[in-house]
Each structure stands twice: as C-alpha cells, then as structure tokens.
Amino acid sequence: MPSERCLSVQEMLTGQRLCQSSSHNNAVLAALNQQRSDGILCDITLIAEEQKFHAHKAVLAACSDYFRAMFSLCMVESEADEVNLHGVTSLGLKQALDFAYTGQILLEPGVIQDVLAAGSHLQLLELLSLCSHYLIQHYHLHGELKYAGSICVQW
C-alpha cells in the first residue's frame, strides 16, 4: 500500500480531502533516470566533446530555461534528435544531467569548474546554488585563494 499523507481541506463541510503521496515524485524521477540509463523512451541525445548522453526533453525543460527555450521555441534543435553542446565539457554535462534526474550531485575540487560551467551555460539554477554553497563551505574550511576558470573565488 502506498504511503500517503491526507490533508483535511474543509472536510467537515464538503467531504473533500486532498491526499498526497510522499513517494510519487521520487519514484517518477527515479523511473525516468532508469529509462535514461537504459537508453529507452529518450527523445534527445546531447553531445559534448563527442560523448553522447540520452535524455528526455521534458525533464531538461523542467529544470532549465535554456532547454525550455531550445525545445519549445521554433528553434532548429526543437525538432532535432541530437544537439551538440559547445561550451560544456562531457564531465560537466554528465554531472548536470545526473543532477537534473536525481536532485543530487557529488561536488569536489576536481569537478567544480566543469560543473559550474555546465550549470551556468545550461541555466540550471538549483545546481548553481549548490555549487555556490559548496564553494562557500570549502572557503570556510580551507581559507585559500583558488581560480575556477575565469571566476576568481576568494577562499
């Protein structure tokens, strides 16, 4: 039996009750991620540095204004099966896609520059927010000056 949480909304007067599954959102996203991993039901292939990544346009558009514009406006890419992305590394794109499908990302000094560049280019605002928090925390732990591409971050 699915776990659910029911909220009474004027239940005494109308008999209506809003019921919400606590697992549905995560289950749907996990199923889409599994489809992506299996390469089934995907409707777009993204290419970065000659490496191909399968994805769902709807998932990408839900996470990113960049993809929403690309796939919903009358752009050439909206009808394409493959889109070559310039300005992102394959590592950055892989990490960005993993985040889009799971809401999680493992950040470390060796990948932060690629993830920041991909998140910025693809307009993944939640990912950029997590990167900012990571950099701030890393600064407080290490207190050193590091460079991330053209961005100078005071640590």
N, C-alpha and C. Protein backbone atom coordinates (compact mmCIF):
# COMPACT_ATOMS: atom_id res chain seq x y z
N MET A 1 0.85 -1.17 0.00
CA MET A 1 0.00 0.00 0.00
C MET A 1 0.90 1.24 0.00
N PRO A 2 0.62 2.21 -0.92
CA PRO A 2 1.48 3.39 -0.97
C PRO A 2 1.33 4.24 0.28
N SER A 3 2.45 4.83 0.66
CA SER A 3 2.37 5.73 1.81
C SER A 3 1.74 7.03 1.34
N GLU A 4 0.79 7.52 2.09
CA GLU A 4 0.18 8.78 1.72
C GLU A 4 -0.14 9.60 2.95
N ARG A 5 -0.20 10.88 2.72
CA ARG A 5 -0.49 11.83 3.77
C ARG A 5 -1.73 12.58 3.30
N CYS A 6 -2.77 12.59 4.09
CA CYS A 6 -4.01 13.26 3.71
C CYS A 6 -4.17 14.53 4.53
N LEU A 7 -4.49 15.59 3.83
CA LEU A 7 -4.68 16.88 4.46
C LEU A 7 -6.17 17.23 4.39
N SER A 8 -6.79 17.52 5.51
CA SER A 8 -8.20 17.90 5.51
C SER A 8 -8.35 19.34 5.04
N VAL A 9 -9.14 19.52 4.00
CA VAL A 9 -9.45 20.85 3.48
C VAL A 9 -10.97 20.97 3.50
N GLN A 10 -11.45 21.64 4.50
CA GLN A 10 -12.89 21.81 4.70
C GLN A 10 -13.61 20.45 4.65
N GLU A 11 -12.94 19.42 5.15
CA GLU A 11 -13.50 18.08 5.08
C GLU A 11 -14.84 17.99 5.79
N MET A 12 -14.98 18.67 6.90
CA MET A 12 -16.23 18.60 7.66
C MET A 12 -17.39 19.15 6.82
N LEU A 13 -17.11 20.17 6.01
CA LEU A 13 -18.19 20.80 5.25
C LEU A 13 -18.44 20.14 3.90
N THR A 14 -17.37 19.72 3.21
CA THR A 14 -17.52 19.25 1.84
C THR A 14 -17.25 17.76 1.66
N GLY A 15 -16.59 17.16 2.59
CA GLY A 15 -16.20 15.76 2.42
C GLY A 15 -14.97 15.60 1.55
N GLN A 16 -14.40 16.71 1.09
CA GLN A 16 -13.21 16.64 0.25
C GLN A 16 -11.96 16.50 1.10
N ARG A 17 -11.03 15.75 0.59
CA ARG A 17 -9.75 15.57 1.28
C ARG A 17 -8.65 15.51 0.21
N LEU A 18 -7.65 16.36 0.36
CA LEU A 18 -6.51 16.35 -0.54
C LEU A 18 -5.52 15.32 -0.02
N CYS A 19 -5.27 14.30 -0.82
CA CYS A 19 -4.32 13.25 -0.43
C CYS A 19 -3.10 13.34 -1.33
N GLN A 20 -1.95 13.19 -0.72
CA GLN A 20 -0.70 13.35 -1.44
C GLN A 20 0.23 12.20 -1.12
N SER A 21 0.81 11.60 -2.15
CA SER A 21 1.78 10.52 -1.97
C SER A 21 3.12 11.13 -1.58
N SER A 22 3.76 10.55 -0.60
CA SER A 22 5.08 11.04 -0.21
C SER A 22 6.20 10.43 -1.06
N SER A 23 5.88 9.43 -1.87
CA SER A 23 6.92 8.76 -2.65
C SER A 23 6.77 8.94 -4.16
N HIS A 24 5.65 9.48 -4.61
CA HIS A 24 5.38 9.55 -6.04
C HIS A 24 6.43 10.34 -6.82
N ASN A 25 6.74 11.55 -6.37
CA ASN A 25 7.70 12.40 -7.10
C ASN A 25 9.04 11.71 -7.28
N ASN A 26 9.57 11.16 -6.21
CA ASN A 26 10.87 10.48 -6.29
C ASN A 26 10.79 9.23 -7.15
N ALA A 27 9.68 8.51 -7.09
CA ALA A 27 9.53 7.29 -7.89
C ALA A 27 9.49 7.61 -9.38
N VAL A 28 8.78 8.66 -9.75
CA VAL A 28 8.70 9.05 -11.16
C VAL A 28 10.06 9.49 -11.66
N LEU A 29 10.76 10.32 -10.90
CA LEU A 29 12.08 10.78 -11.31
C LEU A 29 13.06 9.62 -11.39
N ALA A 30 12.98 8.69 -10.45
CA ALA A 30 13.85 7.51 -10.49
C ALA A 30 13.56 6.65 -11.73
N ALA A 31 12.30 6.52 -12.10
CA ALA A 31 11.94 5.75 -13.29
C ALA A 31 12.46 6.43 -14.56
N LEU A 32 12.35 7.75 -14.62
CA LEU A 32 12.89 8.48 -15.77
C LEU A 32 14.41 8.35 -15.84
N ASN A 33 15.06 8.39 -14.70
CA ASN A 33 16.51 8.22 -14.67
C ASN A 33 16.90 6.82 -15.13
N GLN A 34 16.13 5.82 -14.75
CA GLN A 34 16.40 4.45 -15.19
C GLN A 34 16.20 4.33 -16.71
N GLN A 35 15.17 4.98 -17.23
CA GLN A 35 14.96 5.00 -18.68
C GLN A 35 16.15 5.65 -19.38
N ARG A 36 16.63 6.73 -18.80
CA ARG A 36 17.80 7.41 -19.37
C ARG A 36 19.01 6.48 -19.36
N SER A 37 19.23 5.79 -18.25
CA SER A 37 20.36 4.85 -18.15
C SER A 37 20.24 3.72 -19.15
N ASP A 38 19.01 3.25 -19.36
CA ASP A 38 18.77 2.15 -20.29
C ASP A 38 18.68 2.62 -21.74
N GLY A 39 18.61 3.92 -21.95
CA GLY A 39 18.51 4.46 -23.30
C GLY A 39 17.15 4.22 -23.94
N ILE A 40 16.10 4.08 -23.11
CA ILE A 40 14.77 3.84 -23.68
C ILE A 40 13.86 5.04 -23.42
N LEU A 41 12.99 5.30 -24.36
CA LEU A 41 12.00 6.37 -24.31
C LEU A 41 12.62 7.76 -24.23
N CYS A 42 13.91 7.88 -24.51
CA CYS A 42 14.58 9.18 -24.55
C CYS A 42 14.31 9.81 -25.91
N ASP A 43 14.12 11.13 -25.94
CA ASP A 43 13.80 11.78 -27.20
C ASP A 43 14.85 12.80 -27.64
N ILE A 44 15.98 12.85 -26.94
CA ILE A 44 17.06 13.74 -27.33
C ILE A 44 18.41 13.12 -26.94
N THR A 45 19.39 13.33 -27.77
CA THR A 45 20.77 12.94 -27.45
C THR A 45 21.59 14.21 -27.42
N LEU A 46 22.22 14.47 -26.29
CA LEU A 46 23.08 15.63 -26.14
C LEU A 46 24.52 15.18 -26.35
N ILE A 47 25.29 16.01 -27.03
CA ILE A 47 26.68 15.66 -27.34
C ILE A 47 27.59 16.76 -26.80
N ALA A 48 28.58 16.35 -26.02
CA ALA A 48 29.62 17.26 -25.53
C ALA A 48 30.96 16.55 -25.68
N GLU A 49 31.89 17.21 -26.33
CA GLU A 49 33.21 16.64 -26.57
C GLU A 49 33.10 15.25 -27.19
N GLU A 50 32.21 15.11 -28.15
CA GLU A 50 31.98 13.88 -28.91
C GLU A 50 31.40 12.73 -28.08
N GLN A 51 31.06 12.97 -26.82
CA GLN A 51 30.42 11.96 -25.99
C GLN A 51 28.91 12.20 -26.01
N LYS A 52 28.13 11.12 -26.17
CA LYS A 52 26.68 11.22 -26.30
C LYS A 52 25.97 10.86 -24.99
N PHE A 53 24.92 11.63 -24.70
CA PHE A 53 24.12 11.42 -23.49
C PHE A 53 22.64 11.44 -23.88
N HIS A 54 21.92 10.38 -23.55
CA HIS A 54 20.49 10.31 -23.82
C HIS A 54 19.73 11.04 -22.72
N ALA A 55 18.61 11.65 -23.08
CA ALA A 55 17.81 12.37 -22.10
C ALA A 55 16.38 12.55 -22.61
N HIS A 56 15.55 13.11 -21.76
CA HIS A 56 14.16 13.42 -22.07
C HIS A 56 14.03 14.95 -22.15
N LYS A 57 13.50 15.45 -23.25
CA LYS A 57 13.33 16.89 -23.41
C LYS A 57 12.49 17.47 -22.27
N ALA A 58 11.44 16.76 -21.87
CA ALA A 58 10.55 17.27 -20.83
C ALA A 58 11.29 17.45 -19.50
N VAL A 59 12.16 16.51 -19.14
CA VAL A 59 12.92 16.62 -17.90
C VAL A 59 13.89 17.80 -17.99
N LEU A 60 14.57 17.93 -19.11
CA LEU A 60 15.53 19.02 -19.28
C LEU A 60 14.83 20.38 -19.25
N ALA A 61 13.69 20.47 -19.94
CA ALA A 61 12.95 21.73 -19.98
C ALA A 61 12.38 22.10 -18.61
N ALA A 62 12.06 21.10 -17.81
CA ALA A 62 11.54 21.36 -16.46
C ALA A 62 12.62 21.91 -15.54
N CYS A 63 13.88 21.59 -15.82
CA CYS A 63 14.99 22.01 -14.96
C CYS A 63 15.70 23.27 -15.42
N SER A 64 15.52 23.62 -16.69
CA SER A 64 16.39 24.63 -17.28
C SER A 64 15.65 25.53 -18.27
N ASP A 65 15.77 26.84 -18.07
CA ASP A 65 15.22 27.80 -19.04
C ASP A 65 15.91 27.67 -20.39
N TYR A 66 17.18 27.33 -20.38
CA TYR A 66 17.95 27.14 -21.61
C TYR A 66 17.30 26.05 -22.46
N PHE A 67 17.05 24.89 -21.85
CA PHE A 67 16.44 23.79 -22.59
C PHE A 67 14.97 24.07 -22.90
N ARG A 68 14.27 24.75 -22.00
CA ARG A 68 12.87 25.08 -22.25
C ARG A 68 12.75 25.93 -23.51
N ALA A 69 13.62 26.93 -23.63
CA ALA A 69 13.62 27.76 -24.83
C ALA A 69 14.03 26.95 -26.06
N MET A 70 15.07 26.14 -25.92
CA MET A 70 15.57 25.35 -27.04
C MET A 70 14.50 24.42 -27.61
N PHE A 71 13.74 23.79 -26.73
CA PHE A 71 12.80 22.77 -27.18
C PHE A 71 11.38 23.28 -27.43
N SER A 72 11.04 24.46 -26.92
CA SER A 72 9.66 24.91 -27.08
C SER A 72 9.51 26.05 -28.08
N LEU A 73 10.58 26.80 -28.35
CA LEU A 73 10.52 27.84 -29.35
C LEU A 73 10.83 27.23 -30.72
N CYS A 74 10.59 27.96 -31.75
CA CYS A 74 10.80 27.43 -33.10
C CYS A 74 12.29 27.44 -33.46
N MET A 75 13.06 26.73 -32.67
CA MET A 75 14.50 26.62 -32.94
C MET A 75 14.75 25.30 -33.65
N VAL A 76 15.82 25.24 -34.40
CA VAL A 76 16.18 24.03 -35.13
C VAL A 76 16.28 22.83 -34.18
N GLU A 77 16.82 23.07 -32.98
CA GLU A 77 17.03 21.99 -32.01
C GLU A 77 15.72 21.37 -31.50
N SER A 78 14.61 22.11 -31.60
CA SER A 78 13.34 21.59 -31.08
C SER A 78 12.88 20.36 -31.84
N GLU A 79 13.31 20.19 -33.08
CA GLU A 79 12.95 19.02 -33.88
C GLU A 79 14.10 18.04 -34.05
N ALA A 80 15.27 18.38 -33.52
CA ALA A 80 16.46 17.55 -33.71
C ALA A 80 16.45 16.34 -32.78
N ASP A 81 17.10 15.28 -33.24
CA ASP A 81 17.29 14.09 -32.40
C ASP A 81 18.57 14.20 -31.58
N GLU A 82 19.52 14.99 -32.10
CA GLU A 82 20.80 15.20 -31.42
C GLU A 82 21.11 16.68 -31.38
N VAL A 83 21.70 17.11 -30.27
CA VAL A 83 22.12 18.50 -30.12
C VAL A 83 23.56 18.51 -29.62
N ASN A 84 24.42 19.18 -30.38
CA ASN A 84 25.82 19.30 -29.99
C ASN A 84 25.95 20.53 -29.10
N LEU A 85 26.39 20.34 -27.88
CA LEU A 85 26.53 21.44 -26.92
C LEU A 85 27.98 21.90 -26.89
N HIS A 86 28.18 23.17 -27.22
CA HIS A 86 29.51 23.76 -27.17
C HIS A 86 29.58 24.59 -25.89
N GLY A 87 30.73 24.63 -25.27
CA GLY A 87 30.89 25.43 -24.06
C GLY A 87 30.71 24.63 -22.78
N VAL A 88 30.44 23.33 -22.89
CA VAL A 88 30.39 22.46 -21.71
C VAL A 88 31.25 21.23 -21.98
N THR A 89 31.88 20.75 -20.94
CA THR A 89 32.67 19.53 -21.07
C THR A 89 31.76 18.32 -20.90
N SER A 90 32.23 17.18 -21.34
CA SER A 90 31.44 15.95 -21.16
C SER A 90 31.27 15.65 -19.67
N LEU A 91 32.30 15.91 -18.86
CA LEU A 91 32.20 15.71 -17.42
C LEU A 91 31.15 16.63 -16.81
N GLY A 92 31.19 17.91 -17.21
CA GLY A 92 30.22 18.87 -16.70
C GLY A 92 28.80 18.50 -17.10
N LEU A 93 28.61 18.07 -18.35
CA LEU A 93 27.28 17.68 -18.82
C LEU A 93 26.80 16.44 -18.09
N LYS A 94 27.67 15.46 -17.89
CA LYS A 94 27.27 14.24 -17.17
C LYS A 94 26.80 14.60 -15.77
N GLN A 95 27.57 15.42 -15.08
CA GLN A 95 27.21 15.82 -13.72
C GLN A 95 25.89 16.60 -13.71
N ALA A 96 25.72 17.50 -14.68
CA ALA A 96 24.50 18.30 -14.76
C ALA A 96 23.28 17.42 -15.02
N LEU A 97 23.42 16.45 -15.91
CA LEU A 97 22.31 15.53 -16.20
C LEU A 97 22.00 14.66 -14.98
N ASP A 98 23.03 14.15 -14.32
CA ASP A 98 22.80 13.36 -13.11
C ASP A 98 22.02 14.18 -12.09
N PHE A 99 22.38 15.45 -11.94
CA PHE A 99 21.66 16.31 -11.01
C PHE A 99 20.21 16.53 -11.45
N ALA A 100 20.00 16.77 -12.74
CA ALA A 100 18.65 17.02 -13.25
C ALA A 100 17.72 15.84 -12.97
N TYR A 101 18.26 14.64 -13.00
CA TYR A 101 17.45 13.43 -12.83
C TYR A 101 17.37 12.93 -11.39
N THR A 102 18.25 13.41 -10.52
CA THR A 102 18.26 12.89 -9.15
C THR A 102 18.14 13.98 -8.08
N GLY A 103 18.48 15.21 -8.43
CA GLY A 103 18.49 16.28 -7.44
C GLY A 103 19.70 16.21 -6.53
N GLN A 104 20.67 15.37 -6.88
CA GLN A 104 21.87 15.19 -6.06
C GLN A 104 23.11 15.34 -6.92
N ILE A 105 24.18 15.79 -6.31
CA ILE A 105 25.47 15.88 -7.01
C ILE A 105 26.60 15.74 -6.00
N LEU A 106 27.63 15.03 -6.38
CA LEU A 106 28.82 14.89 -5.54
C LEU A 106 29.84 15.91 -6.04
N LEU A 107 30.04 16.95 -5.26
CA LEU A 107 30.97 18.01 -5.66
C LEU A 107 32.31 17.80 -4.99
N GLU A 108 33.36 18.10 -5.72
CA GLU A 108 34.72 18.02 -5.21
C GLU A 108 35.58 18.98 -6.02
N PRO A 109 36.73 19.36 -5.50
CA PRO A 109 37.56 20.34 -6.20
C PRO A 109 37.88 19.98 -7.66
N GLY A 110 38.04 18.70 -7.96
CA GLY A 110 38.39 18.29 -9.31
C GLY A 110 37.31 18.44 -10.35
N VAL A 111 36.05 18.62 -9.93
CA VAL A 111 34.94 18.73 -10.89
C VAL A 111 34.21 20.06 -10.83
N ILE A 112 34.46 20.86 -9.81
CA ILE A 112 33.65 22.06 -9.58
C ILE A 112 33.70 23.02 -10.77
N GLN A 113 34.84 23.17 -11.42
CA GLN A 113 34.93 24.09 -12.55
C GLN A 113 34.05 23.61 -13.70
N ASP A 114 34.08 22.32 -14.02
CA ASP A 114 33.25 21.78 -15.09
C ASP A 114 31.76 21.88 -14.76
N VAL A 115 31.41 21.61 -13.51
CA VAL A 115 30.01 21.66 -13.08
C VAL A 115 29.51 23.10 -13.11
N LEU A 116 30.30 24.04 -12.62
CA LEU A 116 29.92 25.45 -12.67
C LEU A 116 29.71 25.93 -14.11
N ALA A 117 30.61 25.56 -15.00
CA ALA A 117 30.49 25.99 -16.39
C ALA A 117 29.24 25.39 -17.04
N ALA A 118 28.98 24.11 -16.79
CA ALA A 118 27.80 23.46 -17.36
C ALA A 118 26.53 24.05 -16.75
N GLY A 119 26.50 24.21 -15.44
CA GLY A 119 25.33 24.76 -14.77
C GLY A 119 25.02 26.17 -15.25
N SER A 120 26.05 26.96 -15.45
CA SER A 120 25.87 28.32 -15.92
C SER A 120 25.38 28.34 -17.37
N HIS A 121 26.04 27.59 -18.23
CA HIS A 121 25.69 27.54 -19.65
C HIS A 121 24.27 27.02 -19.85
N LEU A 122 23.90 25.98 -19.11
CA LEU A 122 22.59 25.34 -19.27
C LEU A 122 21.51 25.95 -18.39
N GLN A 123 21.89 26.96 -17.61
CA GLN A 123 20.96 27.68 -16.74
C GLN A 123 20.24 26.75 -15.76
N LEU A 124 21.01 25.91 -15.10
CA LEU A 124 20.50 25.03 -14.05
C LEU A 124 20.68 25.76 -12.72
N LEU A 125 19.72 26.57 -12.37
CA LEU A 125 19.85 27.47 -11.24
C LEU A 125 20.02 26.75 -9.90
N GLU A 126 19.31 25.66 -9.71
CA GLU A 126 19.45 24.89 -8.46
C GLU A 126 20.86 24.32 -8.34
N LEU A 127 21.41 23.86 -9.44
CA LEU A 127 22.77 23.33 -9.45
C LEU A 127 23.77 24.43 -9.12
N LEU A 128 23.58 25.60 -9.70
CA LEU A 128 24.48 26.73 -9.41
C LEU A 128 24.41 27.12 -7.93
N SER A 129 23.22 27.06 -7.37
CA SER A 129 23.06 27.37 -5.95
C SER A 129 23.84 26.39 -5.09
N LEU A 130 23.76 25.10 -5.42
CA LEU A 130 24.51 24.09 -4.66
C LEU A 130 26.01 24.30 -4.81
N CYS A 131 26.45 24.65 -6.01
CA CYS A 131 27.87 24.92 -6.23
C CYS A 131 28.33 26.11 -5.40
N SER A 132 27.50 27.14 -5.33
CA SER A 132 27.84 28.32 -4.52
C SER A 132 27.99 27.95 -3.06
N HIS A 133 27.05 27.18 -2.54
CA HIS A 133 27.13 26.75 -1.14
C HIS A 133 28.37 25.90 -0.91
N TYR A 134 28.69 25.02 -1.86
CA TYR A 134 29.89 24.19 -1.74
C TYR A 134 31.14 25.07 -1.67
N LEU A 135 31.22 26.06 -2.58
CA LEU A 135 32.40 26.92 -2.60
C LEU A 135 32.53 27.74 -1.31
N ILE A 136 31.42 28.22 -0.79
CA ILE A 136 31.44 28.99 0.47
C ILE A 136 31.91 28.10 1.61
N GLN A 137 31.39 26.89 1.70
CA GLN A 137 31.80 25.97 2.76
C GLN A 137 33.26 25.58 2.61
N HIS A 138 33.69 25.35 1.37
CA HIS A 138 35.08 24.99 1.12
C HIS A 138 36.00 26.15 1.53
N TYR A 139 35.55 27.38 1.26
CA TYR A 139 36.32 28.56 1.66
C TYR A 139 36.50 28.60 3.18
N HIS A 140 35.42 28.36 3.89
CA HIS A 140 35.49 28.42 5.36
C HIS A 140 36.39 27.33 5.92
N LEU A 141 36.46 26.19 5.24
CA LEU A 141 37.32 25.10 5.71
C LEU A 141 38.78 25.32 5.36
N HIS A 142 39.05 25.88 4.18
CA HIS A 142 40.43 25.95 3.69
C HIS A 142 41.01 27.35 3.64
N GLY A 143 40.17 28.40 3.52
CA GLY A 143 40.63 29.78 3.55
C GLY A 143 41.74 30.12 2.59
N GLU A 144 41.68 29.62 1.36
CA GLU A 144 42.73 29.90 0.39
C GLU A 144 42.13 30.48 -0.88
N LEU A 145 42.96 31.05 -1.72
CA LEU A 145 42.52 31.65 -2.97
C LEU A 145 42.68 30.62 -4.08
N LYS A 146 41.58 30.34 -4.79
CA LYS A 146 41.62 29.38 -5.90
C LYS A 146 40.98 30.03 -7.11
N TYR A 147 41.30 29.53 -8.29
CA TYR A 147 40.70 30.02 -9.51
C TYR A 147 39.84 28.93 -10.12
N ALA A 148 38.63 29.30 -10.53
CA ALA A 148 37.71 28.38 -11.22
C ALA A 148 37.46 28.97 -12.60
N GLY A 149 38.27 28.60 -13.56
CA GLY A 149 38.13 29.16 -14.90
C GLY A 149 38.40 30.65 -14.87
N SER A 150 37.47 31.43 -15.39
CA SER A 150 37.64 32.87 -15.39
C SER A 150 37.08 33.49 -14.12
N ILE A 151 36.57 32.65 -13.21
CA ILE A 151 35.99 33.15 -11.96
C ILE A 151 37.05 33.03 -10.87
N CYS A 152 37.35 34.12 -10.24
CA CYS A 152 38.27 34.10 -9.11
C CYS A 152 37.44 34.05 -7.84
N VAL A 153 37.62 33.03 -7.07
CA VAL A 153 36.84 32.85 -5.85
C VAL A 153 37.78 33.00 -4.66
N GLN A 154 37.48 33.94 -3.77
CA GLN A 154 38.29 34.15 -2.56
C GLN A 154 37.96 33.08 -1.54
N TRP A 155 38.90 32.22 -1.24
CA TRP A 155 38.70 31.16 -0.25
C TRP A 155 39.48 31.45 0.98
